[in-house]
All heavy atoms as atom14 arrays in JSON, in Angstrom:
{
  "sequence": "RLFLENSTEHQSMQDFVERHLPDVIASIGNGKSTINVLSVGGGA",
  "atom14_mask": [
    [1, 1, 1, 1, 1, 1, 1, 1, 1, 1, 1, 0, 0, 0],
    [1, 1, 1, 1, 1, 1, 1, 1, 0, 0, 0, 0, 0, 0],
    [1, 1, 1, 1, 1, 1, 1, 1, 1, 1, 1, 0, 0, 0],
    [1, 1, 1, 1, 1, 1, 1, 1, 0, 0, 0, 0, 0, 0],
    [1, 1, 1, 1, 1, 1, 1, 1, 1, 0, 0, 0, 0, 0],
    [1, 1, 1, 1, 1, 1, 1, 1, 0, 0, 0, 0, 0, 0],
    [1, 1, 1, 1, 1, 1, 0, 0, 0, 0, 0, 0, 0, 0],
    [1, 1, 1, 1, 1, 1, 1, 0, 0, 0, 0, 0, 0, 0],
    [1, 1, 1, 1, 1, 1, 1, 1, 1, 0, 0, 0, 0, 0],
    [1, 1, 1, 1, 1, 1, 1, 1, 1, 1, 0, 0, 0, 0],
    [1, 1, 1, 1, 1, 1, 1, 1, 1, 0, 0, 0, 0, 0],
    [1, 1, 1, 1, 1, 1, 0, 0, 0, 0, 0, 0, 0, 0],
    [1, 1, 1, 1, 1, 1, 1, 1, 0, 0, 0, 0, 0, 0],
    [1, 1, 1, 1, 1, 1, 1, 1, 1, 0, 0, 0, 0, 0],
    [1, 1, 1, 1, 1, 1, 1, 1, 0, 0, 0, 0, 0, 0],
    [1, 1, 1, 1, 1, 1, 1, 1, 1, 1, 1, 0, 0, 0],
    [1, 1, 1, 1, 1, 1, 1, 0, 0, 0, 0, 0, 0, 0],
    [1, 1, 1, 1, 1, 1, 1, 1, 1, 0, 0, 0, 0, 0],
    [1, 1, 1, 1, 1, 1, 1, 1, 1, 1, 1, 0, 0, 0],
    [1, 1, 1, 1, 1, 1, 1, 1, 1, 1, 0, 0, 0, 0],
    [1, 1, 1, 1, 1, 1, 1, 1, 0, 0, 0, 0, 0, 0],
    [1, 1, 1, 1, 1, 1, 1, 0, 0, 0, 0, 0, 0, 0],
    [1, 1, 1, 1, 1, 1, 1, 1, 0, 0, 0, 0, 0, 0],
    [1, 1, 1, 1, 1, 1, 1, 0, 0, 0, 0, 0, 0, 0],
    [1, 1, 1, 1, 1, 1, 1, 1, 0, 0, 0, 0, 0, 0],
    [1, 1, 1, 1, 1, 0, 0, 0, 0, 0, 0, 0, 0, 0],
    [1, 1, 1, 1, 1, 1, 0, 0, 0, 0, 0, 0, 0, 0],
    [1, 1, 1, 1, 1, 1, 1, 1, 0, 0, 0, 0, 0, 0],
    [1, 1, 1, 1, 0, 0, 0, 0, 0, 0, 0, 0, 0, 0],
    [1, 1, 1, 1, 1, 1, 1, 1, 0, 0, 0, 0, 0, 0],
    [1, 1, 1, 1, 0, 0, 0, 0, 0, 0, 0, 0, 0, 0],
    [1, 1, 1, 1, 1, 1, 1, 1, 1, 0, 0, 0, 0, 0],
    [1, 1, 1, 1, 1, 1, 0, 0, 0, 0, 0, 0, 0, 0],
    [1, 1, 1, 1, 1, 1, 1, 0, 0, 0, 0, 0, 0, 0],
    [1, 1, 1, 1, 1, 1, 1, 1, 0, 0, 0, 0, 0, 0],
    [1, 1, 1, 1, 1, 1, 1, 1, 0, 0, 0, 0, 0, 0],
    [1, 1, 1, 1, 1, 1, 1, 0, 0, 0, 0, 0, 0, 0],
    [1, 1, 1, 1, 1, 1, 1, 1, 0, 0, 0, 0, 0, 0],
    [1, 1, 1, 1, 1, 1, 0, 0, 0, 0, 0, 0, 0, 0],
    [1, 1, 1, 1, 1, 1, 1, 0, 0, 0, 0, 0, 0, 0],
    [1, 1, 1, 1, 0, 0, 0, 0, 0, 0, 0, 0, 0, 0],
    [1, 1, 1, 1, 0, 0, 0, 0, 0, 0, 0, 0, 0, 0],
    [1, 1, 1, 1, 0, 0, 0, 0, 0, 0, 0, 0, 0, 0],
    [1, 1, 1, 1, 1, 0, 0, 0, 0, 0, 0, 0, 0, 0]
  ],
  "atom14_positions": [
    [[-1.86, -20.12, 10.62], [-1.11, -19.06, 11.28], [0.03, -18.57, 10.4], [0.3, -17.36, 10.32], [-0.58, -19.54, 12.62], [-1.66, -19.64, 13.67], [-1.12, -20.01, 15.01], [-2.2, -20.09, 15.98], [-2.22, -20.89, 17.01], [-1.22, -21.7, 17.25], [-3.26, -20.89, 17.84], [0.0, 0.0, 0.0], [0.0, 0.0, 0.0], [0.0, 0.0, 0.0]],
    [[0.71, -19.49, 9.73], [1.78, -19.11, 8.8], [1.21, -18.27, 7.66], [1.81, -17.29, 7.24], [2.48, -20.37, 8.27], [3.69, -20.16, 7.4], [4.79, -19.47, 8.18], [4.17, -21.49, 6.85], [0.0, 0.0, 0.0], [0.0, 0.0, 0.0], [0.0, 0.0, 0.0], [0.0, 0.0, 0.0], [0.0, 0.0, 0.0], [0.0, 0.0, 0.0]],
    [[0.05, -18.67, 7.15], [-0.62, -17.9, 6.11], [-0.9, -16.48, 6.58], [-0.64, -15.5, 5.88], [-1.91, -18.59, 5.69], [-2.83, -17.71, 4.91], [-2.59, -17.43, 3.57], [-3.96, -17.17, 5.51], [-3.46, -16.62, 2.86], [-4.81, -16.35, 4.81], [-4.57, -16.07, 3.47], [0.0, 0.0, 0.0], [0.0, 0.0, 0.0], [0.0, 0.0, 0.0]],
    [[-1.45, -16.35, 7.8], [-1.79, -15.02, 8.32], [-0.55, -14.15, 8.5], [-0.6, -12.94, 8.26], [-2.51, -15.14, 9.66], [-3.93, -15.72, 9.61], [-4.5, -15.82, 11.03], [-4.85, -14.92, 8.72], [0.0, 0.0, 0.0], [0.0, 0.0, 0.0], [0.0, 0.0, 0.0], [0.0, 0.0, 0.0], [0.0, 0.0, 0.0], [0.0, 0.0, 0.0]],
    [[0.55, -14.75, 8.9], [1.79, -13.99, 9.08], [2.37, -13.48, 7.76], [3.04, -12.45, 7.73], [2.85, -14.87, 9.76], [2.54, -15.18, 11.2], [3.51, -16.22, 11.79], [4.52, -16.54, 11.13], [3.23, -16.69, 12.89], [0.0, 0.0, 0.0], [0.0, 0.0, 0.0], [0.0, 0.0, 0.0], [0.0, 0.0, 0.0], [0.0, 0.0, 0.0]],
    [[2.09, -14.2, 6.66], [2.73, -13.87, 5.38], [1.79, -13.34, 4.33], [2.2, -13.1, 3.19], [3.44, -15.12, 4.85], [4.6, -15.51, 5.7], [5.62, -14.85, 5.7], [4.45, -16.57, 6.48], [0.0, 0.0, 0.0], [0.0, 0.0, 0.0], [0.0, 0.0, 0.0], [0.0, 0.0, 0.0], [0.0, 0.0, 0.0], [0.0, 0.0, 0.0]],
    [[0.54, -13.14, 4.68], [-0.44, -12.68, 3.71], [-1.06, -11.37, 4.16], [-1.23, -11.11, 5.34], [-1.55, -13.73, 3.57], [-2.6, -13.23, 2.76], [0.0, 0.0, 0.0], [0.0, 0.0, 0.0], [0.0, 0.0, 0.0], [0.0, 0.0, 0.0], [0.0, 0.0, 0.0], [0.0, 0.0, 0.0], [0.0, 0.0, 0.0], [0.0, 0.0, 0.0]],
    [[-1.4, -10.53, 3.19], [-2.11, -9.28, 3.51], [-3.61, -9.45, 3.39], [-4.36, -8.51, 3.67], [-1.65, -8.15, 2.58], [-1.95, -8.5, 1.23], [-0.16, -7.88, 2.74], [0.0, 0.0, 0.0], [0.0, 0.0, 0.0], [0.0, 0.0, 0.0], [0.0, 0.0, 0.0], [0.0, 0.0, 0.0], [0.0, 0.0, 0.0], [0.0, 0.0, 0.0]],
    [[-4.07, -10.63, 2.97], [-5.51, -10.85, 2.77], [-6.28, -10.63, 4.06], [-7.29, -9.92, 4.08], [-5.76, -12.24, 2.23], [-7.25, -12.52, 2.02], [-7.53, -13.92, 1.5], [-6.6, -14.71, 1.35], [-8.71, -14.2, 1.27], [0.0, 0.0, 0.0], [0.0, 0.0, 0.0], [0.0, 0.0, 0.0], [0.0, 0.0, 0.0], [0.0, 0.0, 0.0]],
    [[-5.83, -11.23, 5.15], [-6.55, -11.12, 6.41], [-6.56, -9.65, 6.87], [-7.6, -9.14, 7.31], [-5.89, -11.99, 7.48], [-6.57, -11.98, 8.8], [-7.78, -12.61, 9.0], [-6.27, -11.39, 9.96], [-8.17, -12.42, 10.25], [-7.27, -11.68, 10.85], [0.0, 0.0, 0.0], [0.0, 0.0, 0.0], [0.0, 0.0, 0.0], [0.0, 0.0, 0.0]],
    [[-5.44, -8.97, 6.78], [-5.37, -7.56, 7.19], [-6.28, -6.7, 6.32], [-6.95, -5.8, 6.81], [-3.92, -7.04, 7.13], [-3.79, -5.63, 7.65], [-4.16, -5.5, 9.12], [-3.82, -6.34, 9.92], [-4.87, -4.44, 9.46], [0.0, 0.0, 0.0], [0.0, 0.0, 0.0], [0.0, 0.0, 0.0], [0.0, 0.0, 0.0], [0.0, 0.0, 0.0]],
    [[-6.31, -6.99, 5.02], [-7.18, -6.22, 4.11], [-8.65, -6.41, 4.49], [-9.42, -5.45, 4.5], [-6.95, -6.66, 2.67], [-5.64, -6.36, 2.26], [0.0, 0.0, 0.0], [0.0, 0.0, 0.0], [0.0, 0.0, 0.0], [0.0, 0.0, 0.0], [0.0, 0.0, 0.0], [0.0, 0.0, 0.0], [0.0, 0.0, 0.0], [0.0, 0.0, 0.0]],
    [[-9.03, -7.62, 4.78], [-10.42, -7.89, 5.18], [-10.73, -7.21, 6.52], [-11.8, -6.61, 6.68], [-10.67, -9.4, 5.28], [-10.67, -10.1, 3.95], [-11.96, -9.51, 2.85], [-13.41, -10.02, 3.69], [0.0, 0.0, 0.0], [0.0, 0.0, 0.0], [0.0, 0.0, 0.0], [0.0, 0.0, 0.0], [0.0, 0.0, 0.0], [0.0, 0.0, 0.0]],
    [[-9.82, -7.28, 7.46], [-10.04, -6.64, 8.75], [-10.17, -5.13, 8.59], [-11.02, -4.5, 9.22], [-8.9, -6.99, 9.71], [-9.14, -6.5, 11.11], [-8.09, -7.0, 12.08], [-7.24, -7.82, 11.75], [-8.15, -6.52, 13.3], [0.0, 0.0, 0.0], [0.0, 0.0, 0.0], [0.0, 0.0, 0.0], [0.0, 0.0, 0.0], [0.0, 0.0, 0.0]],
    [[-9.32, -4.51, 7.77], [-9.41, -3.08, 7.53], [-10.76, -2.71, 6.93], [-11.38, -1.72, 7.31], [-8.29, -2.62, 6.58], [-6.94, -2.61, 7.24], [-6.86, -2.67, 8.5], [-5.94, -2.53, 6.51], [0.0, 0.0, 0.0], [0.0, 0.0, 0.0], [0.0, 0.0, 0.0], [0.0, 0.0, 0.0], [0.0, 0.0, 0.0], [0.0, 0.0, 0.0]],
    [[-11.24, -3.5, 5.96], [-12.53, -3.23, 5.35], [-13.64, -3.32, 6.39], [-14.51, -2.45, 6.47], [-12.82, -4.22, 4.21], [-14.22, -4.09, 3.68], [-14.54, -3.06, 2.8], [-15.21, -4.97, 4.07], [-15.85, -2.91, 2.33], [-16.5, -4.84, 3.59], [-16.82, -3.8, 2.72], [0.0, 0.0, 0.0], [0.0, 0.0, 0.0], [0.0, 0.0, 0.0]],
    [[-13.62, -4.37, 7.22], [-14.66, -4.57, 8.23], [-14.65, -3.42, 9.23], [-15.71, -2.92, 9.62], [-14.46, -5.92, 8.94], [-15.32, -6.03, 10.19], [-14.78, -7.06, 7.98], [0.0, 0.0, 0.0], [0.0, 0.0, 0.0], [0.0, 0.0, 0.0], [0.0, 0.0, 0.0], [0.0, 0.0, 0.0], [0.0, 0.0, 0.0], [0.0, 0.0, 0.0]],
    [[-13.47, -2.96, 9.63], [-13.39, -1.9, 10.64], [-13.64, -0.52, 10.06], [-14.28, 0.31, 10.72], [-12.03, -1.94, 11.31], [-11.84, -3.18, 12.16], [-10.42, -3.29, 12.72], [-9.55, -2.45, 12.39], [-10.18, -4.26, 13.49], [0.0, 0.0, 0.0], [0.0, 0.0, 0.0], [0.0, 0.0, 0.0], [0.0, 0.0, 0.0], [0.0, 0.0, 0.0]],
    [[-13.18, -0.24, 8.86], [-13.23, 1.13, 8.32], [-14.45, 1.4, 7.42], [-14.98, 2.51, 7.43], [-11.98, 1.42, 7.49], [-10.72, 1.45, 8.31], [-9.54, 1.75, 7.44], [-8.31, 1.64, 8.21], [-7.14, 1.97, 7.74], [-7.0, 2.42, 6.52], [-6.06, 1.84, 8.49], [0.0, 0.0, 0.0], [0.0, 0.0, 0.0], [0.0, 0.0, 0.0]],
    [[-14.87, 0.42, 6.64], [-15.89, 0.68, 5.63], [-17.24, 0.0, 5.91], [-18.28, 0.58, 5.61], [-15.39, 0.26, 4.25], [-14.14, 0.94, 3.84], [-14.09, 2.27, 3.48], [-12.86, 0.5, 3.76], [-12.85, 2.61, 3.18], [-12.08, 1.55, 3.36], [0.0, 0.0, 0.0], [0.0, 0.0, 0.0], [0.0, 0.0, 0.0], [0.0, 0.0, 0.0]],
    [[-17.2, -1.19, 6.45], [-18.44, -1.94, 6.63], [-19.46, -1.25, 7.52], [-20.65, -1.27, 7.2], [-18.12, -3.35, 7.13], [-19.31, -4.33, 7.11], [-19.88, -4.47, 5.7], [-18.85, -5.69, 7.63], [0.0, 0.0, 0.0], [0.0, 0.0, 0.0], [0.0, 0.0, 0.0], [0.0, 0.0, 0.0], [0.0, 0.0, 0.0], [0.0, 0.0, 0.0]],
    [[-19.06, -0.61, 8.63], [-20.08, 0.07, 9.45], [-20.89, 1.11, 8.67], [-22.1, 1.2, 8.84], [-19.26, 0.72, 10.57], [-18.06, -0.17, 10.7], [-17.74, -0.57, 9.29], [0.0, 0.0, 0.0], [0.0, 0.0, 0.0], [0.0, 0.0, 0.0], [0.0, 0.0, 0.0], [0.0, 0.0, 0.0], [0.0, 0.0, 0.0], [0.0, 0.0, 0.0]],
    [[-20.21, 1.88, 7.81], [-20.93, 2.87, 7.01], [-21.84, 2.21, 5.97], [-22.94, 2.7, 5.71], [-19.95, 3.8, 6.31], [-19.2, 4.7, 7.29], [-19.74, 4.97, 8.39], [-18.08, 5.13, 6.96], [0.0, 0.0, 0.0], [0.0, 0.0, 0.0], [0.0, 0.0, 0.0], [0.0, 0.0, 0.0], [0.0, 0.0, 0.0], [0.0, 0.0, 0.0]],
    [[-21.37, 1.11, 5.39], [-22.19, 0.4, 4.41], [-23.45, -0.14, 5.09], [-24.57, 0.03, 4.58], [-21.39, -0.76, 3.76], [-22.29, -1.63, 2.93], [-20.24, -0.21, 2.93], [0.0, 0.0, 0.0], [0.0, 0.0, 0.0], [0.0, 0.0, 0.0], [0.0, 0.0, 0.0], [0.0, 0.0, 0.0], [0.0, 0.0, 0.0], [0.0, 0.0, 0.0]],
    [[-23.28, -0.76, 6.24], [-24.43, -1.32, 6.96], [-25.38, -0.2, 7.39], [-26.6, -0.32, 7.28], [-23.97, -2.15, 8.16], [-23.26, -3.41, 7.65], [-25.13, -2.51, 9.07], [-22.61, -4.25, 8.73], [0.0, 0.0, 0.0], [0.0, 0.0, 0.0], [0.0, 0.0, 0.0], [0.0, 0.0, 0.0], [0.0, 0.0, 0.0], [0.0, 0.0, 0.0]],
    [[-24.83, 0.89, 7.88], [-25.67, 2.01, 8.34], [-26.47, 2.62, 7.19], [-27.6, 3.08, 7.39], [-24.81, 3.08, 8.99], [0.0, 0.0, 0.0], [0.0, 0.0, 0.0], [0.0, 0.0, 0.0], [0.0, 0.0, 0.0], [0.0, 0.0, 0.0], [0.0, 0.0, 0.0], [0.0, 0.0, 0.0], [0.0, 0.0, 0.0], [0.0, 0.0, 0.0]],
    [[-25.92, 2.61, 5.98], [-26.61, 3.21, 4.85], [-27.7, 2.33, 4.24], [-28.53, 2.82, 3.5], [-25.59, 3.58, 3.77], [-25.11, 2.42, 3.13], [0.0, 0.0, 0.0], [0.0, 0.0, 0.0], [0.0, 0.0, 0.0], [0.0, 0.0, 0.0], [0.0, 0.0, 0.0], [0.0, 0.0, 0.0], [0.0, 0.0, 0.0], [0.0, 0.0, 0.0]],
    [[-27.69, 1.07, 4.56], [-28.65, 0.14, 3.95], [-30.09, 0.52, 4.27], [-30.97, 0.48, 3.42], [-28.37, -1.31, 4.39], [-27.06, -1.79, 3.77], [-29.51, -2.24, 4.02], [-26.59, -3.14, 4.25], [0.0, 0.0, 0.0], [0.0, 0.0, 0.0], [0.0, 0.0, 0.0], [0.0, 0.0, 0.0], [0.0, 0.0, 0.0], [0.0, 0.0, 0.0]],
    [[-30.35, 0.94, 5.49], [-31.72, 1.23, 5.89], [-32.08, 2.7, 5.85], [-33.13, 3.07, 6.38], [0.0, 0.0, 0.0], [0.0, 0.0, 0.0], [0.0, 0.0, 0.0], [0.0, 0.0, 0.0], [0.0, 0.0, 0.0], [0.0, 0.0, 0.0], [0.0, 0.0, 0.0], [0.0, 0.0, 0.0], [0.0, 0.0, 0.0], [0.0, 0.0, 0.0]],
    [[-31.29, 3.54, 5.22], [-31.61, 4.97, 5.18], [-33.02, 5.24, 4.65], [-33.34, 4.88, 3.53], [-30.6, 5.73, 4.31], [-29.27, 5.93, 5.02], [-29.17, 5.77, 6.22], [-28.27, 6.3, 4.25], [0.0, 0.0, 0.0], [0.0, 0.0, 0.0], [0.0, 0.0, 0.0], [0.0, 0.0, 0.0], [0.0, 0.0, 0.0], [0.0, 0.0, 0.0]],
    [[-33.83, 5.85, 5.5], [-35.18, 6.25, 5.07], [-36.19, 5.1, 5.01], [-37.31, 5.3, 4.56], [0.0, 0.0, 0.0], [0.0, 0.0, 0.0], [0.0, 0.0, 0.0], [0.0, 0.0, 0.0], [0.0, 0.0, 0.0], [0.0, 0.0, 0.0], [0.0, 0.0, 0.0], [0.0, 0.0, 0.0], [0.0, 0.0, 0.0], [0.0, 0.0, 0.0]],
    [[-35.83, 3.93, 5.47], [-36.75, 2.78, 5.39], [-37.14, 2.36, 6.81], [-36.33, 2.36, 7.72], [-36.09, 1.62, 4.67], [-35.74, 1.94, 3.22], [-35.09, 0.76, 2.55], [-34.7, 1.14, 1.13], [-34.02, 0.07, 0.46], [0.0, 0.0, 0.0], [0.0, 0.0, 0.0], [0.0, 0.0, 0.0], [0.0, 0.0, 0.0], [0.0, 0.0, 0.0]],
    [[-38.4, 1.95, 6.94], [-38.85, 1.49, 8.26], [-38.59, -0.02, 8.44], [-38.5, -0.5, 9.55], [-40.34, 1.78, 8.44], [-41.09, 1.13, 7.43], [0.0, 0.0, 0.0], [0.0, 0.0, 0.0], [0.0, 0.0, 0.0], [0.0, 0.0, 0.0], [0.0, 0.0, 0.0], [0.0, 0.0, 0.0], [0.0, 0.0, 0.0], [0.0, 0.0, 0.0]],
    [[-38.48, -0.75, 7.34], [-38.15, -2.19, 7.39], [-37.16, -2.53, 6.31], [-37.05, -1.83, 5.3], [-39.41, -3.07, 7.19], [-39.95, -2.81, 5.91], [-40.44, -2.83, 8.26], [0.0, 0.0, 0.0], [0.0, 0.0, 0.0], [0.0, 0.0, 0.0], [0.0, 0.0, 0.0], [0.0, 0.0, 0.0], [0.0, 0.0, 0.0], [0.0, 0.0, 0.0]],
    [[-36.45, -3.58, 6.54], [-35.48, -4.07, 5.56], [-35.75, -5.55, 5.35], [-35.79, -6.33, 6.29], [-34.03, -3.89, 6.05], [-33.73, -2.42, 6.31], [-33.03, -4.48, 5.06], [-32.39, -2.17, 6.96], [0.0, 0.0, 0.0], [0.0, 0.0, 0.0], [0.0, 0.0, 0.0], [0.0, 0.0, 0.0], [0.0, 0.0, 0.0], [0.0, 0.0, 0.0]],
    [[-35.91, -5.96, 4.09], [-36.09, -7.37, 3.74], [-34.74, -7.91, 3.29], [-34.05, -7.29, 2.48], [-37.12, -7.53, 2.62], [-38.48, -7.08, 3.06], [-38.89, -7.31, 4.18], [-39.18, -6.39, 2.17], [0.0, 0.0, 0.0], [0.0, 0.0, 0.0], [0.0, 0.0, 0.0], [0.0, 0.0, 0.0], [0.0, 0.0, 0.0], [0.0, 0.0, 0.0]],
    [[-34.38, -9.09, 3.81], [-33.08, -9.68, 3.49], [-33.3, -11.07, 2.91], [-34.04, -11.88, 3.48], [-32.19, -9.78, 4.76], [-30.88, -10.47, 4.45], [-31.97, -8.4, 5.35], [0.0, 0.0, 0.0], [0.0, 0.0, 0.0], [0.0, 0.0, 0.0], [0.0, 0.0, 0.0], [0.0, 0.0, 0.0], [0.0, 0.0, 0.0], [0.0, 0.0, 0.0]],
    [[-32.64, -11.35, 1.83], [-32.65, -12.67, 1.22], [-31.23, -13.19, 1.27], [-30.29, -12.56, 0.75], [-33.12, -12.6, -0.24], [-32.98, -13.9, -1.05], [-33.86, -14.99, -0.45], [-33.34, -13.65, -2.5], [0.0, 0.0, 0.0], [0.0, 0.0, 0.0], [0.0, 0.0, 0.0], [0.0, 0.0, 0.0], [0.0, 0.0, 0.0], [0.0, 0.0, 0.0]],
    [[-31.03, -14.31, 1.93], [-29.69, -14.91, 2.04], [-29.62, -16.09, 1.08], [-30.39, -17.03, 1.18], [-29.43, -15.37, 3.48], [-28.21, -16.04, 3.56], [0.0, 0.0, 0.0], [0.0, 0.0, 0.0], [0.0, 0.0, 0.0], [0.0, 0.0, 0.0], [0.0, 0.0, 0.0], [0.0, 0.0, 0.0], [0.0, 0.0, 0.0], [0.0, 0.0, 0.0]],
    [[-28.68, -16.02, 0.17], [-28.47, -17.11, -0.78], [-27.06, -17.63, -0.57], [-26.09, -16.9, -0.69], [-28.64, -16.61, -2.24], [-28.36, -17.75, -3.21], [-30.04, -16.05, -2.44], [0.0, 0.0, 0.0], [0.0, 0.0, 0.0], [0.0, 0.0, 0.0], [0.0, 0.0, 0.0], [0.0, 0.0, 0.0], [0.0, 0.0, 0.0], [0.0, 0.0, 0.0]],
    [[-26.97, -18.9, -0.23], [-25.65, -19.49, -0.01], [-24.99, -19.01, 1.26], [-23.78, -18.97, 1.34], [0.0, 0.0, 0.0], [0.0, 0.0, 0.0], [0.0, 0.0, 0.0], [0.0, 0.0, 0.0], [0.0, 0.0, 0.0], [0.0, 0.0, 0.0], [0.0, 0.0, 0.0], [0.0, 0.0, 0.0], [0.0, 0.0, 0.0], [0.0, 0.0, 0.0]],
    [[-25.78, -18.65, 2.24], [-25.21, -18.13, 3.48], [-24.85, -19.21, 4.49], [-24.43, -18.89, 5.6], [0.0, 0.0, 0.0], [0.0, 0.0, 0.0], [0.0, 0.0, 0.0], [0.0, 0.0, 0.0], [0.0, 0.0, 0.0], [0.0, 0.0, 0.0], [0.0, 0.0, 0.0], [0.0, 0.0, 0.0], [0.0, 0.0, 0.0], [0.0, 0.0, 0.0]],
    [[-24.99, -20.46, 4.12], [-24.69, -21.55, 5.06], [-23.2, -21.85, 5.16], [-22.37, -21.18, 4.56], [0.0, 0.0, 0.0], [0.0, 0.0, 0.0], [0.0, 0.0, 0.0], [0.0, 0.0, 0.0], [0.0, 0.0, 0.0], [0.0, 0.0, 0.0], [0.0, 0.0, 0.0], [0.0, 0.0, 0.0], [0.0, 0.0, 0.0], [0.0, 0.0, 0.0]],
    [[-22.9, -22.89, 5.92], [-21.51, -23.26, 6.17], [-20.95, -24.19, 5.09], [-19.82, -24.65, 5.18], [-21.41, -23.93, 7.53], [0.0, 0.0, 0.0], [0.0, 0.0, 0.0], [0.0, 0.0, 0.0], [0.0, 0.0, 0.0], [0.0, 0.0, 0.0], [0.0, 0.0, 0.0], [0.0, 0.0, 0.0], [0.0, 0.0, 0.0], [0.0, 0.0, 0.0]]
  ]
}
């Protein structure tokens, strides 16, 4: 919590997710009927 209060990292990530990520995700499938996804290192 102290980190979040004193860092802009969390706010920067939240701004990206809210402002830019929806357009990025929407553009991924432009003109395609299917999308293949490979996840590398997506675990916890």
